[in-house]
Amino acid sequence: GRRLVYVETKPYASWNGYLSERRYYE
């Protein structure tokens, strides 16, 4: 029941170089 709040957004690169975004919550 505890809340994970938004921390940051970072670029994410797959093993073959495809770029996307990941949002991080803590």
PDB file of all heavy atoms in Angstrom:
ATOM      1  N   GLY A   1       0.800  -1.230   0.000  1.00  0.00           N
ATOM      2  CA  GLY A   1       0.000   0.000   0.000  1.00  0.00           C
ATOM      3  C   GLY A   1       0.827   1.270   0.000  1.00  0.00           C
ATOM      4  O   GLY A   1       0.279   2.375   0.094  1.00  0.00           O
ATOM      5  N   ARG A   2       2.131   1.140  -0.138  1.00  0.00           N
ATOM      6  CA  ARG A   2       2.998   2.322  -0.187  1.00  0.00           C
ATOM      7  C   ARG A   2       3.129   2.817  -1.623  1.00  0.00           C
ATOM      8  O   ARG A   2       3.003   2.045  -2.564  1.00  0.00           O
ATOM      9  CB  ARG A   2       4.362   1.999   0.409  1.00  0.00           C
ATOM     10  CG  ARG A   2       4.237   1.490   1.841  1.00  0.00           C
ATOM     11  CD  ARG A   2       5.545   1.394   2.560  1.00  0.00           C
ATOM     12  NE  ARG A   2       5.355   0.841   3.895  1.00  0.00           N
ATOM     13  CZ  ARG A   2       6.258   0.908   4.863  1.00  0.00           C
ATOM     14  NH1 ARG A   2       7.411   1.503   4.647  1.00  0.00           N
ATOM     15  NH2 ARG A   2       6.011   0.376   6.046  1.00  0.00           N
ATOM     16  N   ARG A   3       3.398   4.099  -1.750  1.00  0.00           N
ATOM     17  CA  ARG A   3       3.394   4.724  -3.077  1.00  0.00           C
ATOM     18  C   ARG A   3       4.808   4.897  -3.628  1.00  0.00           C
ATOM     19  O   ARG A   3       5.726   5.278  -2.904  1.00  0.00           O
ATOM     20  CB  ARG A   3       2.679   6.069  -3.024  1.00  0.00           C
ATOM     21  CG  ARG A   3       1.186   5.889  -2.807  1.00  0.00           C
ATOM     22  CD  ARG A   3       0.408   7.174  -2.849  1.00  0.00           C
ATOM     23  NE  ARG A   3      -1.027   6.839  -2.881  1.00  0.00           N
ATOM     24  CZ  ARG A   3      -1.758   6.824  -3.980  1.00  0.00           C
ATOM     25  NH1 ARG A   3      -1.206   7.124  -5.143  1.00  0.00           N
ATOM     26  NH2 ARG A   3      -3.037   6.508  -3.945  1.00  0.00           N
ATOM     27  N   LEU A   4       4.922   4.585  -4.931  1.00  0.00           N
ATOM     28  CA  LEU A   4       6.180   4.810  -5.640  1.00  0.00           C
ATOM     29  C   LEU A   4       5.982   6.054  -6.499  1.00  0.00           C
ATOM     30  O   LEU A   4       5.110   6.083  -7.375  1.00  0.00           O
ATOM     31  CB  LEU A   4       6.544   3.614  -6.523  1.00  0.00           C
ATOM     32  CG  LEU A   4       7.058   2.368  -5.795  1.00  0.00           C
ATOM     33  CD1 LEU A   4       5.910   1.547  -5.226  1.00  0.00           C
ATOM     34  CD2 LEU A   4       7.905   1.520  -6.730  1.00  0.00           C
ATOM     35  N   VAL A   5       6.766   7.097  -6.217  1.00  0.00           N
ATOM     36  CA  VAL A   5       6.589   8.387  -6.893  1.00  0.00           C
ATOM     37  C   VAL A   5       7.568   8.516  -8.055  1.00  0.00           C
ATOM     38  O   VAL A   5       8.635   7.896  -8.065  1.00  0.00           O
ATOM     39  CB  VAL A   5       6.781   9.565  -5.911  1.00  0.00           C
ATOM     40  CG1 VAL A   5       5.723   9.514  -4.808  1.00  0.00           C
ATOM     41  CG2 VAL A   5       8.187   9.572  -5.307  1.00  0.00           C
ATOM     42  N   TYR A   6       7.180   9.348  -9.030  1.00  0.00           N
ATOM     43  CA  TYR A   6       8.028   9.567 -10.211  1.00  0.00           C
ATOM     44  C   TYR A   6       9.331  10.244  -9.802  1.00  0.00           C
ATOM     45  O   TYR A   6       9.342  11.199  -9.029  1.00  0.00           O
ATOM     46  CB  TYR A   6       7.284  10.431 -11.225  1.00  0.00           C
ATOM     47  CG  TYR A   6       8.148  10.891 -12.371  1.00  0.00           C
ATOM     48  CD1 TYR A   6       8.536  10.009 -13.373  1.00  0.00           C
ATOM     49  CD2 TYR A   6       8.597  12.212 -12.430  1.00  0.00           C
ATOM     50  CE1 TYR A   6       9.345  10.431 -14.419  1.00  0.00           C
ATOM     51  CE2 TYR A   6       9.403  12.637 -13.478  1.00  0.00           C
ATOM     52  CZ  TYR A   6       9.778  11.743 -14.466  1.00  0.00           C
ATOM     53  OH  TYR A   6      10.576  12.159 -15.497  1.00  0.00           O
ATOM     54  N   VAL A   7      10.453   9.734 -10.346  1.00  0.00           N
ATOM     55  CA  VAL A   7      11.772  10.285 -10.036  1.00  0.00           C
ATOM     56  C   VAL A   7      12.389  10.961 -11.259  1.00  0.00           C
ATOM     57  O   VAL A   7      12.775  12.119 -11.216  1.00  0.00           O
ATOM     58  CB  VAL A   7      12.730   9.167  -9.524  1.00  0.00           C
ATOM     59  CG1 VAL A   7      14.118   9.726  -9.260  1.00  0.00           C
ATOM     60  CG2 VAL A   7      12.172   8.514  -8.273  1.00  0.00           C
ATOM     61  N   GLU A   8      12.446  10.221 -12.384  1.00  0.00           N
ATOM     62  CA  GLU A   8      13.103  10.768 -13.573  1.00  0.00           C
ATOM     63  C   GLU A   8      12.763   9.934 -14.806  1.00  0.00           C
ATOM     64  O   GLU A   8      12.238   8.831 -14.704  1.00  0.00           O
ATOM     65  CB  GLU A   8      14.622  10.780 -13.376  1.00  0.00           C
ATOM     66  CG  GLU A   8      15.211   9.390 -13.153  1.00  0.00           C
ATOM     67  CD  GLU A   8      16.697   9.392 -12.860  1.00  0.00           C
ATOM     68  OE1 GLU A   8      17.378  10.370 -13.224  1.00  0.00           O
ATOM     69  OE2 GLU A   8      17.179   8.405 -12.270  1.00  0.00           O
ATOM     70  N   THR A   9      13.059  10.517 -15.963  1.00  0.00           N
ATOM     71  CA  THR A   9      12.943   9.798 -17.234  1.00  0.00           C
ATOM     72  C   THR A   9      14.327   9.734 -17.859  1.00  0.00           C
ATOM     73  O   THR A   9      15.038  10.736 -17.918  1.00  0.00           O
ATOM     74  CB  THR A   9      11.975  10.531 -18.191  1.00  0.00           C
ATOM     75  OG1 THR A   9      10.698  10.614 -17.576  1.00  0.00           O
ATOM     76  CG2 THR A   9      11.859   9.794 -19.522  1.00  0.00           C
ATOM     77  N   LYS A  10      14.700   8.535 -18.313  1.00  0.00           N
ATOM     78  CA  LYS A  10      16.032   8.353 -18.905  1.00  0.00           C
ATOM     79  C   LYS A  10      15.906   7.674 -20.259  1.00  0.00           C
ATOM     80  O   LYS A  10      14.997   6.858 -20.462  1.00  0.00           O
ATOM     81  CB  LYS A  10      16.899   7.461 -18.006  1.00  0.00           C
ATOM     82  CG  LYS A  10      17.473   8.138 -16.788  1.00  0.00           C
ATOM     83  CD  LYS A  10      18.384   7.133 -16.073  1.00  0.00           C
ATOM     84  CE  LYS A  10      19.051   7.747 -14.866  1.00  0.00           C
ATOM     85  NZ  LYS A  10      19.930   6.769 -14.190  1.00  0.00           N
ATOM     86  N   PRO A  11      16.826   7.983 -21.184  1.00  0.00           N
ATOM     87  CA  PRO A  11      16.848   7.229 -22.452  1.00  0.00           C
ATOM     88  C   PRO A  11      17.296   5.797 -22.177  1.00  0.00           C
ATOM     89  O   PRO A  11      18.090   5.554 -21.268  1.00  0.00           O
ATOM     90  CB  PRO A  11      17.871   7.988 -23.303  1.00  0.00           C
ATOM     91  CG  PRO A  11      18.707   8.743 -22.344  1.00  0.00           C
ATOM     92  CD  PRO A  11      17.860   9.011 -21.134  1.00  0.00           C
ATOM     93  N   TYR A  12      16.767   4.873 -22.968  1.00  0.00           N
ATOM     94  CA  TYR A  12      17.103   3.458 -22.803  1.00  0.00           C
ATOM     95  C   TYR A  12      17.514   2.910 -24.160  1.00  0.00           C
ATOM     96  O   TYR A  12      16.786   3.064 -25.148  1.00  0.00           O
ATOM     97  CB  TYR A  12      15.895   2.695 -22.258  1.00  0.00           C
ATOM     98  CG  TYR A  12      16.112   1.202 -22.149  1.00  0.00           C
ATOM     99  CD1 TYR A  12      16.731   0.653 -21.044  1.00  0.00           C
ATOM    100  CD2 TYR A  12      15.683   0.343 -23.162  1.00  0.00           C
ATOM    101  CE1 TYR A  12      16.926  -0.725 -20.937  1.00  0.00           C
ATOM    102  CE2 TYR A  12      15.875  -1.026 -23.073  1.00  0.00           C
ATOM    103  CZ  TYR A  12      16.493  -1.552 -21.958  1.00  0.00           C
ATOM    104  OH  TYR A  12      16.696  -2.906 -21.871  1.00  0.00           O
ATOM    105  N   ALA A  13      18.675   2.292 -24.225  1.00  0.00           N
ATOM    106  CA  ALA A  13      19.176   1.713 -25.480  1.00  0.00           C
ATOM    107  C   ALA A  13      19.179   0.198 -25.369  1.00  0.00           C
ATOM    108  O   ALA A  13      19.708  -0.361 -24.407  1.00  0.00           O
ATOM    109  CB  ALA A  13      20.573   2.225 -25.784  1.00  0.00           C
ATOM    110  N   SER A  14      18.565  -0.474 -26.349  1.00  0.00           N
ATOM    111  CA  SER A  14      18.581  -1.937 -26.362  1.00  0.00           C
ATOM    112  C   SER A  14      19.951  -2.417 -26.828  1.00  0.00           C
ATOM    113  O   SER A  14      20.800  -1.620 -27.240  1.00  0.00           O
ATOM    114  CB  SER A  14      17.486  -2.468 -27.290  1.00  0.00           C
ATOM    115  OG  SER A  14      17.767  -2.118 -28.629  1.00  0.00           O
ATOM    116  N   TRP A  15      20.165  -3.727 -26.814  1.00  0.00           N
ATOM    117  CA  TRP A  15      21.471  -4.287 -27.195  1.00  0.00           C
ATOM    118  C   TRP A  15      21.864  -3.947 -28.623  1.00  0.00           C
ATOM    119  O   TRP A  15      23.038  -3.877 -28.960  1.00  0.00           O
ATOM    120  CB  TRP A  15      21.459  -5.808 -27.003  1.00  0.00           C
ATOM    121  CG  TRP A  15      20.463  -6.510 -27.897  1.00  0.00           C
ATOM    122  CD1 TRP A  15      19.167  -6.782 -27.610  1.00  0.00           C
ATOM    123  CD2 TRP A  15      20.697  -7.000 -29.228  1.00  0.00           C
ATOM    124  NE1 TRP A  15      18.554  -7.423 -28.676  1.00  0.00           N
ATOM    125  CE2 TRP A  15      19.474  -7.564 -29.682  1.00  0.00           C
ATOM    126  CE3 TRP A  15      21.798  -7.032 -30.072  1.00  0.00           C
ATOM    127  CZ2 TRP A  15      19.343  -8.128 -30.946  1.00  0.00           C
ATOM    128  CZ3 TRP A  15      21.664  -7.613 -31.333  1.00  0.00           C
ATOM    129  CH2 TRP A  15      20.442  -8.148 -31.740  1.00  0.00           C
ATOM    130  N   ASN A  16      20.860  -3.681 -29.486  1.00  0.00           N
ATOM    131  CA  ASN A  16      21.194  -3.357 -30.888  1.00  0.00           C
ATOM    132  C   ASN A  16      21.100  -1.863 -31.179  1.00  0.00           C
ATOM    133  O   ASN A  16      21.114  -1.451 -32.324  1.00  0.00           O
ATOM    134  CB  ASN A  16      20.297  -4.147 -31.854  1.00  0.00           C
ATOM    135  CG  ASN A  16      18.845  -3.767 -31.725  1.00  0.00           C
ATOM    136  OD1 ASN A  16      18.450  -3.158 -30.741  1.00  0.00           O
ATOM    137  ND2 ASN A  16      18.040  -4.112 -32.707  1.00  0.00           N
ATOM    138  N   GLY A  17      20.991  -1.043 -30.117  1.00  0.00           N
ATOM    139  CA  GLY A  17      21.042   0.407 -30.302  1.00  0.00           C
ATOM    140  C   GLY A  17      19.704   1.104 -30.459  1.00  0.00           C
ATOM    141  O   GLY A  17      19.666   2.315 -30.661  1.00  0.00           O
ATOM    142  N   TYR A  18      18.592   0.371 -30.367  1.00  0.00           N
ATOM    143  CA  TYR A  18      17.267   1.007 -30.481  1.00  0.00           C
ATOM    144  C   TYR A  18      17.019   1.869 -29.248  1.00  0.00           C
ATOM    145  O   TYR A  18      17.148   1.418 -28.119  1.00  0.00           O
ATOM    146  CB  TYR A  18      16.177  -0.055 -30.605  1.00  0.00           C
ATOM    147  CG  TYR A  18      14.776   0.505 -30.609  1.00  0.00           C
ATOM    148  CD1 TYR A  18      14.252   1.097 -31.764  1.00  0.00           C
ATOM    149  CD2 TYR A  18      13.984   0.464 -29.460  1.00  0.00           C
ATOM    150  CE1 TYR A  18      12.967   1.607 -31.770  1.00  0.00           C
ATOM    151  CE2 TYR A  18      12.700   0.976 -29.468  1.00  0.00           C
ATOM    152  CZ  TYR A  18      12.194   1.553 -30.621  1.00  0.00           C
ATOM    153  OH  TYR A  18      10.926   2.076 -30.632  1.00  0.00           O
ATOM    154  N   LEU A  19      16.652   3.143 -29.466  1.00  0.00           N
ATOM    155  CA  LEU A  19      16.473   4.078 -28.368  1.00  0.00           C
ATOM    156  C   LEU A  19      15.003   4.257 -28.004  1.00  0.00           C
ATOM    157  O   LEU A  19      14.147   4.413 -28.883  1.00  0.00           O
ATOM    158  CB  LEU A  19      17.061   5.449 -28.730  1.00  0.00           C
ATOM    159  CG  LEU A  19      18.596   5.548 -28.710  1.00  0.00           C
ATOM    160  CD1 LEU A  19      19.040   6.896 -29.262  1.00  0.00           C
ATOM    161  CD2 LEU A  19      19.139   5.373 -27.299  1.00  0.00           C
ATOM    162  N   SER A  20      14.722   4.210 -26.718  1.00  0.00           N
ATOM    163  CA  SER A  20      13.379   4.478 -26.210  1.00  0.00           C
ATOM    164  C   SER A  20      13.530   5.187 -24.861  1.00  0.00           C
ATOM    165  O   SER A  20      14.634   5.591 -24.494  1.00  0.00           O
ATOM    166  CB  SER A  20      12.587   3.176 -26.067  1.00  0.00           C
ATOM    167  OG  SER A  20      13.259   2.284 -25.203  1.00  0.00           O
ATOM    168  N   GLU A  21      12.423   5.336 -24.147  1.00  0.00           N
ATOM    169  CA  GLU A  21      12.478   6.019 -22.855  1.00  0.00           C
ATOM    170  C   GLU A  21      11.953   5.126 -21.743  1.00  0.00           C
ATOM    171  O   GLU A  21      11.059   4.315 -21.958  1.00  0.00           O
ATOM    172  CB  GLU A  21      11.627   7.302 -22.880  1.00  0.00           C
ATOM    173  CG  GLU A  21      12.287   8.461 -23.562  1.00  0.00           C
ATOM    174  CD  GLU A  21      11.498   9.757 -23.399  1.00  0.00           C
ATOM    175  OE1 GLU A  21      10.313   9.697 -22.995  1.00  0.00           O
ATOM    176  OE2 GLU A  21      12.053  10.825 -23.687  1.00  0.00           O
ATOM    177  N   ARG A  22      12.515   5.274 -20.561  1.00  0.00           N
ATOM    178  CA  ARG A  22      12.026   4.579 -19.378  1.00  0.00           C
ATOM    179  C   ARG A  22      11.763   5.620 -18.282  1.00  0.00           C
ATOM    180  O   ARG A  22      12.587   6.491 -18.040  1.00  0.00           O
ATOM    181  CB  ARG A  22      13.049   3.553 -18.872  1.00  0.00           C
ATOM    182  CG  ARG A  22      13.289   2.392 -19.809  1.00  0.00           C
ATOM    183  CD  ARG A  22      12.107   1.440 -19.840  1.00  0.00           C
ATOM    184  NE  ARG A  22      12.368   0.260 -20.627  1.00  0.00           N
ATOM    185  CZ  ARG A  22      12.158   0.159 -21.921  1.00  0.00           C
ATOM    186  NH1 ARG A  22      11.698   1.201 -22.594  1.00  0.00           N
ATOM    187  NH2 ARG A  22      12.396  -0.971 -22.561  1.00  0.00           N
ATOM    188  N   ARG A  23      10.611   5.487 -17.635  1.00  0.00           N
ATOM    189  CA  ARG A  23      10.274   6.339 -16.496  1.00  0.00           C
ATOM    190  C   ARG A  23      10.586   5.575 -15.207  1.00  0.00           C
ATOM    191  O   ARG A  23      10.245   4.400 -15.089  1.00  0.00           O
ATOM    192  CB  ARG A  23       8.800   6.746 -16.538  1.00  0.00           C
ATOM    193  CG  ARG A  23       8.474   7.711 -17.658  1.00  0.00           C
ATOM    194  CD  ARG A  23       6.971   7.971 -17.758  1.00  0.00           C
ATOM    195  NE  ARG A  23       6.422   8.643 -16.596  1.00  0.00           N
ATOM    196  CZ  ARG A  23       6.428   9.959 -16.411  1.00  0.00           C
ATOM    197  NH1 ARG A  23       6.973  10.754 -17.328  1.00  0.00           N
ATOM    198  NH2 ARG A  23       5.884  10.496 -15.333  1.00  0.00           N
ATOM    199  N   TYR A  24      11.232   6.242 -14.261  1.00  0.00           N
ATOM    200  CA  TYR A  24      11.653   5.610 -13.016  1.00  0.00           C
ATOM    201  C   TYR A  24      10.799   6.109 -11.852  1.00  0.00           C
ATOM    202  O   TYR A  24      10.543   7.308 -11.729  1.00  0.00           O
ATOM    203  CB  TYR A  24      13.130   5.892 -12.743  1.00  0.00           C
ATOM    204  CG  TYR A  24      14.054   5.167 -13.690  1.00  0.00           C
ATOM    205  CD1 TYR A  24      14.307   5.659 -14.967  1.00  0.00           C
ATOM    206  CD2 TYR A  24      14.660   3.972 -13.317  1.00  0.00           C
ATOM    207  CE1 TYR A  24      15.137   4.980 -15.853  1.00  0.00           C
ATOM    208  CE2 TYR A  24      15.493   3.289 -14.189  1.00  0.00           C
ATOM    209  CZ  TYR A  24      15.727   3.801 -15.453  1.00  0.00           C
ATOM    210  OH  TYR A  24      16.548   3.124 -16.328  1.00  0.00           O
ATOM    211  N   TYR A  25      10.365   5.145 -11.028  1.00  0.00           N
ATOM    212  CA  TYR A  25       9.559   5.442  -9.846  1.00  0.00           C
ATOM    213  C   TYR A  25      10.220   4.797  -8.633  1.00  0.00           C
ATOM    214  O   TYR A  25      10.762   3.695  -8.731  1.00  0.00           O
ATOM    215  CB  TYR A  25       8.141   4.896 -10.014  1.00  0.00           C
ATOM    216  CG  TYR A  25       7.357   5.571 -11.119  1.00  0.00           C
ATOM    217  CD1 TYR A  25       7.552   5.218 -12.453  1.00  0.00           C
ATOM    218  CD2 TYR A  25       6.436   6.567 -10.825  1.00  0.00           C
ATOM    219  CE1 TYR A  25       6.853   5.839 -13.468  1.00  0.00           C
ATOM    220  CE2 TYR A  25       5.712   7.194 -11.844  1.00  0.00           C
ATOM    221  CZ  TYR A  25       5.929   6.825 -13.165  1.00  0.00           C
ATOM    222  OH  TYR A  25       5.229   7.459 -14.171  1.00  0.00           O
ATOM    223  N   GLU A  26      10.158   5.490  -7.504  1.00  0.00           N
ATOM    224  CA  GLU A  26      10.788   4.974  -6.289  1.00  0.00           C
ATOM    225  C   GLU A  26       9.836   5.122  -5.101  1.00  0.00           C
ATOM    226  O   GLU A  26       9.139   6.128  -4.964  1.00  0.00           O
ATOM    227  CB  GLU A  26      12.087   5.732  -6.004  1.00  0.00           C
ATOM    228  CG  GLU A  26      12.888   5.136  -4.865  1.00  0.00           C
ATOM    229  CD  GLU A  26      14.240   5.811  -4.696  1.00  0.00           C
ATOM    230  OE1 GLU A  26      14.924   6.065  -5.723  1.00  0.00           O
ATOM    231  OE2 GLU A  26      14.607   6.077  -3.537  1.00  0.00           O
TER     232      GLU A  26
END
